[in-house]
């Protein structure tokens, strides 16, 4: 069995906006690297493009909440974009759909 991986490609779009494109699994095996890479981000707005996330578990959801709370404490905004069907289902079950800003596309999340 292949180890779980998560690649994060960061793309600055000016105006204090950073888009992070995630590809792979946001799960217990990958959340440590996810948090190490995204917690220090100091942009005014961070949008996570979730379209490449093939699987997300409760540890992944917890990591998203950690990033959200960390950024809110620094008055920085955060949004999720393009959740997959599985990712959307996990967010619905966890009840976090109403807490974490979530948009159908990266463009809508960036606006």
N, C-alpha and C. Protein backbone atom coordinates (compact mmCIF):
# COMPACT_ATOMS: atom_id res chain seq x y z
N UNK A 1 0.84 -1.19 0.00
CA UNK A 1 0.00 0.00 0.00
C UNK A 1 0.88 1.24 0.00
N UNK A 2 0.55 2.18 -0.85
CA UNK A 2 1.31 3.42 -0.98
C UNK A 2 1.06 4.31 0.24
N UNK A 3 2.12 4.99 0.73
CA UNK A 3 1.89 5.94 1.83
C UNK A 3 1.08 7.14 1.34
N UNK A 4 0.27 7.69 2.22
CA UNK A 4 -0.55 8.84 1.86
C UNK A 4 0.34 10.06 1.65
N UNK A 5 0.05 10.83 0.61
CA UNK A 5 0.81 12.05 0.34
C UNK A 5 -0.15 13.21 0.10
N UNK A 6 0.36 14.40 0.35
CA UNK A 6 -0.38 15.62 0.06
C UNK A 6 0.60 16.65 -0.47
N UNK A 7 0.40 17.06 -1.71
CA UNK A 7 1.23 18.11 -2.31
C UNK A 7 0.48 19.42 -2.20
N UNK A 8 1.24 20.47 -1.85
CA UNK A 8 0.64 21.80 -1.72
C UNK A 8 1.42 22.76 -2.60
N UNK A 9 0.73 23.33 -3.58
CA UNK A 9 1.34 24.29 -4.49
C UNK A 9 0.77 25.67 -4.14
N UNK A 10 1.65 26.58 -3.73
CA UNK A 10 1.20 27.92 -3.34
C UNK A 10 1.38 28.88 -4.51
N UNK A 11 0.35 29.70 -4.72
CA UNK A 11 0.35 30.64 -5.83
C UNK A 11 -0.15 31.99 -5.32
N UNK A 12 0.73 32.98 -5.32
CA UNK A 12 0.34 34.32 -4.87
C UNK A 12 -0.36 35.03 -6.02
N UNK A 13 -1.49 35.65 -5.71
CA UNK A 13 -2.27 36.33 -6.74
C UNK A 13 -2.35 37.83 -6.51
N UNK A 14 -1.46 38.39 -5.72
CA UNK A 14 -1.49 39.82 -5.45
C UNK A 14 -2.62 40.18 -4.50
N UNK A 15 -2.65 41.45 -4.11
CA UNK A 15 -3.68 41.96 -3.19
C UNK A 15 -3.74 41.16 -1.89
N UNK A 16 -2.63 40.57 -1.47
CA UNK A 16 -2.60 39.83 -0.22
C UNK A 16 -3.28 38.48 -0.28
N UNK A 17 -3.53 37.98 -1.50
CA UNK A 17 -4.22 36.70 -1.67
C UNK A 17 -3.22 35.61 -1.99
N UNK A 18 -3.35 34.49 -1.30
CA UNK A 18 -2.54 33.31 -1.60
C UNK A 18 -3.49 32.14 -1.83
N UNK A 19 -3.32 31.46 -2.97
CA UNK A 19 -4.11 30.27 -3.28
C UNK A 19 -3.20 29.07 -3.09
N UNK A 20 -3.65 28.12 -2.28
CA UNK A 20 -2.90 26.88 -2.07
C UNK A 20 -3.70 25.74 -2.70
N UNK A 21 -3.10 25.11 -3.71
CA UNK A 21 -3.76 23.99 -4.39
C UNK A 21 -3.30 22.69 -3.75
N UNK A 22 -4.25 21.96 -3.20
CA UNK A 22 -3.94 20.70 -2.52
C UNK A 22 -4.20 19.53 -3.45
N UNK A 23 -3.27 18.55 -3.44
CA UNK A 23 -3.45 17.36 -4.27
C UNK A 23 -3.01 16.14 -3.47
N UNK A 24 -3.94 15.22 -3.25
CA UNK A 24 -3.65 14.01 -2.50
C UNK A 24 -4.64 13.82 -1.37
N UNK A 25 -4.15 13.25 -0.26
CA UNK A 25 -5.02 12.95 0.87
C UNK A 25 -4.75 13.91 2.03
N UNK A 26 -5.81 14.51 2.56
CA UNK A 26 -5.71 15.33 3.77
C UNK A 26 -6.20 14.43 4.90
N UNK A 27 -5.25 13.71 5.49
CA UNK A 27 -5.60 12.68 6.47
C UNK A 27 -4.57 12.65 7.59
N UNK A 28 -4.77 11.76 8.53
CA UNK A 28 -3.90 11.65 9.69
C UNK A 28 -2.42 11.61 9.30
N UNK A 29 -2.10 10.92 8.22
CA UNK A 29 -0.71 10.79 7.79
C UNK A 29 -0.12 12.09 7.23
N UNK A 30 -0.96 13.00 6.77
CA UNK A 30 -0.45 14.19 6.07
C UNK A 30 -0.71 15.51 6.78
N UNK A 31 -1.50 15.51 7.86
CA UNK A 31 -1.88 16.80 8.48
C UNK A 31 -0.69 17.53 9.09
N UNK A 32 0.29 16.82 9.59
CA UNK A 32 1.44 17.49 10.20
C UNK A 32 2.16 18.38 9.18
N UNK A 33 2.45 17.82 8.02
CA UNK A 33 3.10 18.60 6.96
C UNK A 33 2.21 19.74 6.47
N UNK A 34 0.90 19.48 6.37
CA UNK A 34 -0.07 20.49 5.95
C UNK A 34 -0.01 21.69 6.90
N UNK A 35 -0.06 21.41 8.21
CA UNK A 35 -0.03 22.49 9.19
C UNK A 35 1.32 23.21 9.20
N UNK A 36 2.42 22.47 9.09
CA UNK A 36 3.75 23.09 9.07
C UNK A 36 3.90 24.04 7.89
N UNK A 37 3.29 23.69 6.76
CA UNK A 37 3.43 24.52 5.56
C UNK A 37 2.47 25.70 5.55
N UNK A 38 1.27 25.54 6.08
CA UNK A 38 0.27 26.60 5.93
C UNK A 38 0.06 27.49 7.15
N UNK A 39 0.42 27.04 8.34
CA UNK A 39 0.28 27.92 9.52
C UNK A 39 1.12 29.20 9.40
N UNK A 40 2.37 29.12 8.90
CA UNK A 40 3.18 30.35 8.83
C UNK A 40 2.76 31.33 7.73
N UNK A 41 1.85 30.93 6.85
CA UNK A 41 1.45 31.81 5.74
C UNK A 41 0.89 33.11 6.33
N UNK A 42 1.43 34.23 5.84
CA UNK A 42 1.08 35.52 6.43
C UNK A 42 0.29 36.41 5.47
N UNK A 43 -0.34 35.83 4.46
CA UNK A 43 -1.13 36.62 3.52
C UNK A 43 -2.44 37.05 4.18
N UNK A 44 -3.01 38.15 3.69
CA UNK A 44 -4.27 38.65 4.24
C UNK A 44 -5.41 37.66 4.01
N UNK A 45 -5.36 36.96 2.86
CA UNK A 45 -6.42 36.00 2.53
C UNK A 45 -5.78 34.71 2.01
N UNK A 46 -6.25 33.58 2.51
CA UNK A 46 -5.78 32.27 2.07
C UNK A 46 -6.97 31.49 1.54
N UNK A 47 -6.85 31.02 0.30
CA UNK A 47 -7.88 30.17 -0.30
C UNK A 47 -7.26 28.80 -0.54
N UNK A 48 -7.91 27.77 -0.02
CA UNK A 48 -7.46 26.40 -0.25
C UNK A 48 -8.29 25.79 -1.37
N UNK A 49 -7.63 25.49 -2.50
CA UNK A 49 -8.28 24.81 -3.61
C UNK A 49 -8.28 23.32 -3.29
N UNK A 50 -9.44 22.81 -2.94
CA UNK A 50 -9.59 21.43 -2.46
C UNK A 50 -9.95 20.46 -3.59
N UNK A 51 -9.96 20.92 -4.83
CA UNK A 51 -10.42 20.07 -5.94
C UNK A 51 -9.54 18.84 -6.16
N UNK A 52 -8.28 18.89 -5.73
CA UNK A 52 -7.38 17.75 -5.91
C UNK A 52 -7.28 16.84 -4.70
N UNK A 53 -8.10 17.09 -3.68
CA UNK A 53 -8.05 16.26 -2.47
C UNK A 53 -8.92 15.03 -2.70
N UNK A 54 -8.26 13.87 -2.81
CA UNK A 54 -8.98 12.64 -3.13
C UNK A 54 -9.65 12.02 -1.91
N UNK A 55 -9.15 12.37 -0.71
CA UNK A 55 -9.70 11.79 0.51
C UNK A 55 -9.41 12.72 1.68
N UNK A 56 -10.40 12.89 2.55
CA UNK A 56 -10.22 13.69 3.75
C UNK A 56 -10.89 12.96 4.91
N UNK A 57 -10.15 12.86 6.04
CA UNK A 57 -10.73 12.22 7.22
C UNK A 57 -10.90 13.25 8.33
N UNK A 58 -11.25 12.79 9.53
CA UNK A 58 -11.52 13.71 10.63
C UNK A 58 -10.26 14.49 11.04
N UNK A 59 -9.08 13.89 10.90
CA UNK A 59 -7.84 14.61 11.20
C UNK A 59 -7.65 15.76 10.21
N UNK A 60 -8.01 15.53 8.95
CA UNK A 60 -7.94 16.58 7.95
C UNK A 60 -8.89 17.73 8.26
N UNK A 61 -10.10 17.39 8.68
CA UNK A 61 -11.08 18.41 9.06
C UNK A 61 -10.55 19.20 10.26
N UNK A 62 -9.97 18.50 11.23
CA UNK A 62 -9.40 19.18 12.39
C UNK A 62 -8.29 20.14 12.00
N UNK A 63 -7.47 19.76 11.03
CA UNK A 63 -6.39 20.63 10.56
C UNK A 63 -6.96 21.88 9.89
N UNK A 64 -8.04 21.72 9.13
CA UNK A 64 -8.69 22.89 8.50
C UNK A 64 -9.20 23.85 9.57
N UNK A 65 -9.79 23.31 10.62
CA UNK A 65 -10.30 24.15 11.71
C UNK A 65 -9.13 24.86 12.40
N UNK A 66 -8.02 24.16 12.61
CA UNK A 66 -6.84 24.79 13.23
C UNK A 66 -6.35 25.98 12.42
N UNK A 67 -6.26 25.80 11.10
CA UNK A 67 -5.82 26.90 10.22
C UNK A 67 -6.81 28.05 10.30
N UNK A 68 -8.11 27.74 10.25
CA UNK A 68 -9.15 28.76 10.31
C UNK A 68 -9.04 29.58 11.60
N UNK A 69 -8.94 28.90 12.74
CA UNK A 69 -8.88 29.58 14.04
C UNK A 69 -7.58 30.39 14.16
N UNK A 70 -6.47 29.82 13.72
CA UNK A 70 -5.17 30.51 13.77
C UNK A 70 -5.23 31.81 12.95
N UNK A 71 -5.78 31.74 11.76
CA UNK A 71 -5.85 32.92 10.89
C UNK A 71 -6.85 33.94 11.43
N UNK A 72 -7.97 33.48 11.96
CA UNK A 72 -8.97 34.40 12.51
C UNK A 72 -8.37 35.18 13.68
N UNK A 73 -7.54 34.52 14.49
CA UNK A 73 -6.87 35.19 15.60
C UNK A 73 -5.92 36.27 15.16
N UNK A 74 -5.45 36.19 13.92
CA UNK A 74 -4.54 37.20 13.36
C UNK A 74 -5.29 38.14 12.40
N UNK A 75 -6.62 38.11 12.42
CA UNK A 75 -7.47 38.92 11.54
C UNK A 75 -7.16 38.69 10.07
N UNK A 76 -6.87 37.44 9.72
CA UNK A 76 -6.63 37.07 8.33
C UNK A 76 -7.76 36.16 7.88
N UNK A 77 -8.17 36.29 6.62
CA UNK A 77 -9.30 35.49 6.15
C UNK A 77 -8.85 34.16 5.56
N UNK A 78 -9.82 33.27 5.44
CA UNK A 78 -9.59 31.89 5.03
C UNK A 78 -10.84 31.40 4.32
N UNK A 79 -10.66 30.65 3.25
CA UNK A 79 -11.81 30.06 2.56
C UNK A 79 -11.41 28.75 1.89
N UNK A 80 -12.37 27.85 1.82
CA UNK A 80 -12.21 26.60 1.08
C UNK A 80 -12.89 26.76 -0.26
N UNK A 81 -12.32 26.13 -1.28
CA UNK A 81 -12.92 26.19 -2.61
C UNK A 81 -12.90 24.82 -3.26
N UNK A 82 -13.94 24.54 -4.03
CA UNK A 82 -14.02 23.36 -4.89
C UNK A 82 -13.85 22.05 -4.13
N UNK A 83 -14.56 21.90 -3.02
CA UNK A 83 -14.53 20.63 -2.29
C UNK A 83 -15.05 19.50 -3.18
N UNK A 84 -14.42 18.35 -3.09
CA UNK A 84 -14.91 17.18 -3.82
C UNK A 84 -16.18 16.68 -3.14
N UNK A 85 -16.84 15.73 -3.79
CA UNK A 85 -18.06 15.17 -3.21
C UNK A 85 -17.76 14.53 -1.85
N UNK A 86 -16.65 13.79 -1.75
CA UNK A 86 -16.29 13.15 -0.48
C UNK A 86 -15.94 14.20 0.56
N UNK A 87 -15.18 15.23 0.18
CA UNK A 87 -14.81 16.30 1.10
C UNK A 87 -16.03 17.05 1.61
N UNK A 88 -16.97 17.30 0.72
CA UNK A 88 -18.20 17.99 1.10
C UNK A 88 -19.01 17.13 2.07
N UNK A 89 -19.04 15.83 1.84
CA UNK A 89 -19.78 14.92 2.73
C UNK A 89 -19.16 14.93 4.13
N UNK A 90 -17.83 14.90 4.21
CA UNK A 90 -17.15 14.92 5.51
C UNK A 90 -17.45 16.23 6.24
N UNK A 91 -17.45 17.33 5.50
CA UNK A 91 -17.74 18.64 6.12
C UNK A 91 -19.19 18.69 6.60
N UNK A 92 -20.11 18.10 5.84
CA UNK A 92 -21.51 18.07 6.24
C UNK A 92 -21.69 17.25 7.52
N UNK A 93 -21.09 16.07 7.56
CA UNK A 93 -21.21 15.18 8.72
C UNK A 93 -20.62 15.83 9.97
N UNK A 94 -19.51 16.55 9.80
CA UNK A 94 -18.86 17.18 10.95
C UNK A 94 -19.59 18.44 11.41
N UNK A 95 -20.51 18.94 10.58
CA UNK A 95 -21.27 20.13 10.94
C UNK A 95 -20.49 21.42 10.74
N UNK A 96 -19.38 21.36 10.00
CA UNK A 96 -18.54 22.55 9.84
C UNK A 96 -18.85 23.35 8.58
N UNK A 97 -19.84 22.94 7.83
CA UNK A 97 -20.19 23.66 6.61
C UNK A 97 -20.57 25.11 6.93
N UNK A 98 -21.21 25.31 8.07
CA UNK A 98 -21.65 26.66 8.45
C UNK A 98 -20.52 27.48 9.06
N UNK A 99 -19.48 26.82 9.60
CA UNK A 99 -18.38 27.54 10.25
C UNK A 99 -17.31 27.98 9.26
N UNK A 100 -16.85 27.05 8.44
CA UNK A 100 -15.76 27.35 7.52
C UNK A 100 -16.30 27.90 6.20
N UNK A 101 -15.81 29.08 5.78
CA UNK A 101 -16.26 29.63 4.49
C UNK A 101 -15.93 28.65 3.36
N UNK A 102 -16.93 28.34 2.55
CA UNK A 102 -16.80 27.30 1.54
C UNK A 102 -17.46 27.79 0.24
N UNK A 103 -16.72 27.73 -0.87
CA UNK A 103 -17.20 28.24 -2.14
C UNK A 103 -17.06 27.17 -3.22
N UNK A 104 -17.96 27.19 -4.22
CA UNK A 104 -17.90 26.18 -5.29
C UNK A 104 -16.65 26.28 -6.16
N UNK A 105 -16.10 27.51 -6.34
CA UNK A 105 -14.93 27.69 -7.21
C UNK A 105 -13.88 28.56 -6.52
N UNK A 106 -12.65 28.46 -7.01
CA UNK A 106 -11.56 29.29 -6.49
C UNK A 106 -11.84 30.76 -6.76
N UNK A 107 -12.39 31.08 -7.94
CA UNK A 107 -12.68 32.47 -8.29
C UNK A 107 -13.67 33.09 -7.30
N UNK A 108 -14.71 32.35 -6.95
CA UNK A 108 -15.71 32.86 -6.00
C UNK A 108 -15.09 33.03 -4.61
N UNK A 109 -14.23 32.11 -4.21
CA UNK A 109 -13.58 32.20 -2.90
C UNK A 109 -12.61 33.37 -2.86
N UNK A 110 -12.01 33.70 -4.00
CA UNK A 110 -11.00 34.76 -4.07
C UNK A 110 -11.61 36.16 -4.08
N UNK A 111 -12.87 36.25 -4.46
CA UNK A 111 -13.52 37.56 -4.60
C UNK A 111 -13.70 38.26 -3.27
